[in-house]
Amino acid sequence: NPIEIINILTSLEEQNNQRIEAGNYIFEDCLNQLKGVCVSDLSAIVLYSDNWHSGVLGIVCAKLTEKYNRPVCLLTKVDNVFKGSIRSLGGIDIFKELSKVSNLLVKFGGHSGAGGLTIEEHNITKFANELNNNIASSYSIDAFDVVKYYDFDLNKDSVDANFVKELEKLEPFGFGNEKPVFKYTFNN
């Protein structure tokens, strides 16, 4: 039914726009909470709010982890406890680190790169402090180095109209077919 398809697509688009708006709001709120904080002194960033949308915390965690090159945990209040997501860097096993502070958590789960957790509000500050201290003592400062990965080296001789046409053949990009990342070297 074409009318039903249009109605469903319109609803999906509205929901996606709401998700994007919620994520942007949380991201900006996190940036505001971090104003005046020397992030380089932290081994992990833990932020929380009573009114964040819980469904987009993981996405925002990933953006903040990429921006600050630190594990990031975001928590919001759900049913009188705080629930949230945590994302890590490639060299820091965040599940292992959550296991070390499990006595402060109602529950948690995940894997080396990401996790979910539930915590009572009175334990959040202690959790943040212990998580930071544990990561600082378990990993060297090198774990926080920014590592950039790319697919191909390019220079002015390798980029032409034919290259662009060939690149367009790889579209559409998205999950499972990520956009290629290029390192461009300027030749004099």
Protein backbone atom coordinates (compact mmCIF):
# COMPACT_ATOMS: atom_id res chain seq x y z
CA ASN A 1 0.00 0.00 0.00
CA PRO A 2 1.81 3.16 -1.19
CA ILE A 3 -0.01 5.43 1.28
CA GLU A 4 0.96 3.19 4.22
CA ILE A 5 4.57 3.10 3.00
CA ILE A 6 4.69 6.91 2.84
CA ASN A 7 3.18 7.17 6.33
CA ILE A 8 5.71 4.70 7.74
CA LEU A 9 8.64 6.43 6.00
CA THR A 10 7.46 9.82 7.27
CA SER A 11 7.22 8.47 10.79
CA LEU A 12 10.69 6.91 10.56
CA GLU A 13 12.15 10.17 9.29
CA GLU A 14 10.53 12.11 12.15
CA GLN A 15 11.85 9.62 14.70
CA ASN A 16 15.33 9.77 13.20
CA ASN A 17 15.28 13.59 13.32
CA GLN A 18 14.23 13.42 16.98
CA ARG A 19 17.10 11.00 17.67
CA ILE A 20 19.57 13.33 15.97
CA GLU A 21 18.24 16.34 17.91
CA ALA A 22 18.45 14.42 21.20
CA GLY A 23 22.02 13.35 20.42
CA ASN A 24 23.05 16.89 19.49
CA TYR A 25 21.49 18.24 22.69
CA ILE A 26 23.35 15.70 24.84
CA PHE A 27 26.63 16.30 22.99
CA GLU A 28 26.37 20.08 23.56
CA ASP A 29 25.40 19.54 27.20
CA CYS A 30 28.47 17.33 27.67
CA LEU A 31 30.72 19.98 26.10
CA ASN A 32 29.26 22.53 28.51
CA GLN A 33 29.84 20.22 31.49
CA LEU A 34 33.47 19.83 30.39
CA LYS A 35 34.14 23.57 30.13
CA GLY A 36 36.94 24.38 32.54
CA VAL A 37 37.87 20.70 32.98
CA CYS A 38 41.37 19.68 31.95
CA VAL A 39 40.41 16.51 30.08
CA SER A 40 44.03 15.51 29.61
CA ASP A 41 44.21 15.01 33.38
CA LEU A 42 41.43 12.41 33.17
CA SER A 43 41.77 8.76 32.23
CA ALA A 44 38.01 8.49 31.65
CA ILE A 45 35.16 10.97 31.32
CA VAL A 46 32.01 10.28 33.34
CA LEU A 47 29.07 12.65 32.89
CA TYR A 48 25.42 12.43 33.86
CA SER A 49 22.11 14.24 33.72
CA ASP A 50 18.60 13.56 34.91
CA ASN A 51 17.01 14.34 31.57
CA TRP A 52 19.05 12.86 28.72
CA HIS A 53 17.40 10.46 26.27
CA SER A 54 18.83 7.05 27.16
CA GLY A 55 18.48 5.66 23.63
CA VAL A 56 21.24 7.81 22.14
CA LEU A 57 23.84 7.77 24.90
CA GLY A 58 26.02 5.18 23.15
CA ILE A 59 26.20 7.26 19.99
CA VAL A 60 27.18 10.37 21.94
CA CYS A 61 29.73 8.37 23.97
CA ALA A 62 31.37 7.29 20.73
CA LYS A 63 31.54 10.89 19.45
CA LEU A 64 33.05 12.13 22.71
CA THR A 65 35.51 9.23 22.86
CA GLU A 66 36.68 10.16 19.38
CA LYS A 67 36.88 13.86 20.27
CA TYR A 68 38.79 13.48 23.55
CA ASN A 69 40.54 10.13 23.03
CA ARG A 70 39.38 8.95 26.44
CA PRO A 71 36.84 6.33 27.50
CA VAL A 72 33.49 8.08 28.02
CA CYS A 73 30.59 7.05 30.23
CA LEU A 74 27.25 8.87 30.00
CA LEU A 75 24.44 8.23 32.47
CA THR A 76 20.84 9.37 32.75
CA LYS A 77 18.14 8.81 35.32
CA VAL A 78 15.71 5.99 34.57
CA ASP A 79 13.35 4.67 37.27
CA ASN A 80 15.28 6.19 40.22
CA VAL A 81 18.68 4.82 39.12
CA PHE A 82 21.17 5.98 36.52
CA LYS A 83 21.59 3.89 33.40
CA GLY A 84 24.04 4.51 30.65
CA SER A 85 26.66 3.57 28.15
CA ILE A 86 30.42 3.55 28.10
CA ARG A 87 32.74 3.50 25.09
CA SER A 88 36.47 2.93 25.13
CA LEU A 89 39.62 3.23 23.08
CA GLY A 90 41.15 0.30 21.26
CA GLY A 91 43.85 -0.28 23.87
CA ILE A 92 41.71 -0.04 27.03
CA ASP A 93 39.53 -3.03 27.98
CA ILE A 94 36.51 -1.25 29.43
CA PHE A 95 34.73 -4.47 30.47
CA LYS A 96 37.75 -5.36 32.59
CA GLU A 97 37.69 -1.88 34.10
CA LEU A 98 33.96 -2.08 34.85
CA SER A 99 34.58 -5.44 36.52
CA LYS A 100 37.05 -3.77 38.89
CA VAL A 101 34.35 -1.35 40.12
CA SER A 102 31.42 -3.78 39.95
CA ASN A 103 30.82 -3.33 43.68
CA LEU A 104 29.57 0.18 42.87
CA LEU A 105 27.27 -0.93 40.06
CA VAL A 106 23.76 -2.38 40.19
CA LYS A 107 24.58 -4.26 37.00
CA PHE A 108 26.77 -4.01 33.93
CA GLY A 109 27.65 -5.83 30.75
CA GLY A 110 29.51 -5.42 27.52
CA HIS A 111 32.85 -6.23 25.97
CA SER A 112 36.33 -4.70 25.74
CA GLY A 113 35.23 -1.72 23.63
CA ALA A 114 31.81 -0.82 25.04
CA GLY A 115 29.35 -1.52 27.78
CA GLY A 116 26.16 -0.65 29.54
CA LEU A 117 25.69 -0.08 33.23
CA THR A 118 23.23 0.78 35.97
CA ILE A 119 24.34 2.67 39.07
CA GLU A 120 22.73 4.38 42.03
CA GLU A 121 23.22 8.15 42.08
CA HIS A 122 25.15 8.19 45.36
CA ASN A 123 27.86 5.98 43.79
CA ILE A 124 28.50 8.02 40.62
CA THR A 125 31.29 10.23 41.97
CA LYS A 126 33.08 7.30 43.60
CA PHE A 127 32.65 5.28 40.38
CA ALA A 128 34.16 8.10 38.29
CA ASN A 129 37.12 8.48 40.67
CA GLU A 130 37.86 4.74 40.90
CA LEU A 131 37.46 4.23 37.16
CA ASN A 132 39.91 7.06 36.50
CA ASN A 133 42.41 5.81 39.07
CA ASN A 134 42.21 2.20 37.86
CA ILE A 135 42.71 3.14 34.21
CA ALA A 136 45.58 5.49 35.09
CA SER A 137 47.35 2.75 37.04
CA SER A 138 46.65 -0.03 34.51
CA TYR A 139 47.55 1.69 31.25
CA SER A 140 50.43 3.84 30.10
CA ILE A 141 49.94 7.34 28.75
CA ASP A 142 50.52 5.83 25.27
CA ALA A 143 47.04 4.26 25.48
CA PHE A 144 45.61 7.76 24.97
CA ASP A 145 47.67 8.59 21.89
CA VAL A 146 45.58 9.50 18.89
CA VAL A 147 45.94 6.84 16.21
CA LYS A 148 44.66 7.69 12.76
CA TYR A 149 43.91 4.91 10.32
CA TYR A 150 43.50 5.41 6.62
CA ASP A 151 42.84 3.23 3.61
CA PHE A 152 44.99 4.80 0.90
CA ASP A 153 47.76 7.33 0.35
CA LEU A 154 46.84 10.03 -2.14
CA ASN A 155 48.63 12.93 -3.75
CA LYS A 156 47.78 15.43 -6.47
CA ASP A 157 48.82 12.98 -9.20
CA SER A 158 46.44 10.26 -7.99
CA VAL A 159 43.28 12.37 -7.74
CA ASP A 160 41.55 13.05 -11.03
CA ALA A 161 38.07 12.77 -12.56
CA ASN A 162 38.52 9.03 -13.14
CA PHE A 163 39.41 8.49 -9.46
CA VAL A 164 36.24 10.31 -8.39
CA LYS A 165 34.10 8.20 -10.78
CA GLU A 166 35.66 4.99 -9.45
CA LEU A 167 35.06 6.12 -5.87
CA GLU A 168 31.39 6.82 -6.64
CA LYS A 169 31.00 3.18 -7.71
CA LEU A 170 31.60 2.15 -4.09
CA GLU A 171 28.55 4.09 -2.87
CA PRO A 172 26.32 4.06 -0.94
CA PHE A 173 28.47 4.24 2.18
CA GLY A 174 27.19 3.26 5.58
CA PHE A 175 27.31 0.40 8.06
CA GLY A 176 29.28 -2.46 6.52
CA ASN A 177 30.54 -0.23 3.71
CA GLU A 178 32.27 2.61 5.50
CA LYS A 179 33.53 5.68 3.68
CA PRO A 180 37.18 5.23 2.77
CA VAL A 181 39.67 7.42 4.62
CA PHE A 182 42.55 8.92 2.67
CA LYS A 183 45.87 10.38 3.69
CA TYR A 184 46.65 13.18 1.29
CA THR A 185 50.27 14.17 0.86
CA PHE A 186 50.93 17.58 -0.62
CA ASN A 187 53.74 17.55 -3.14
CA ASN A 188 55.70 20.71 -3.76
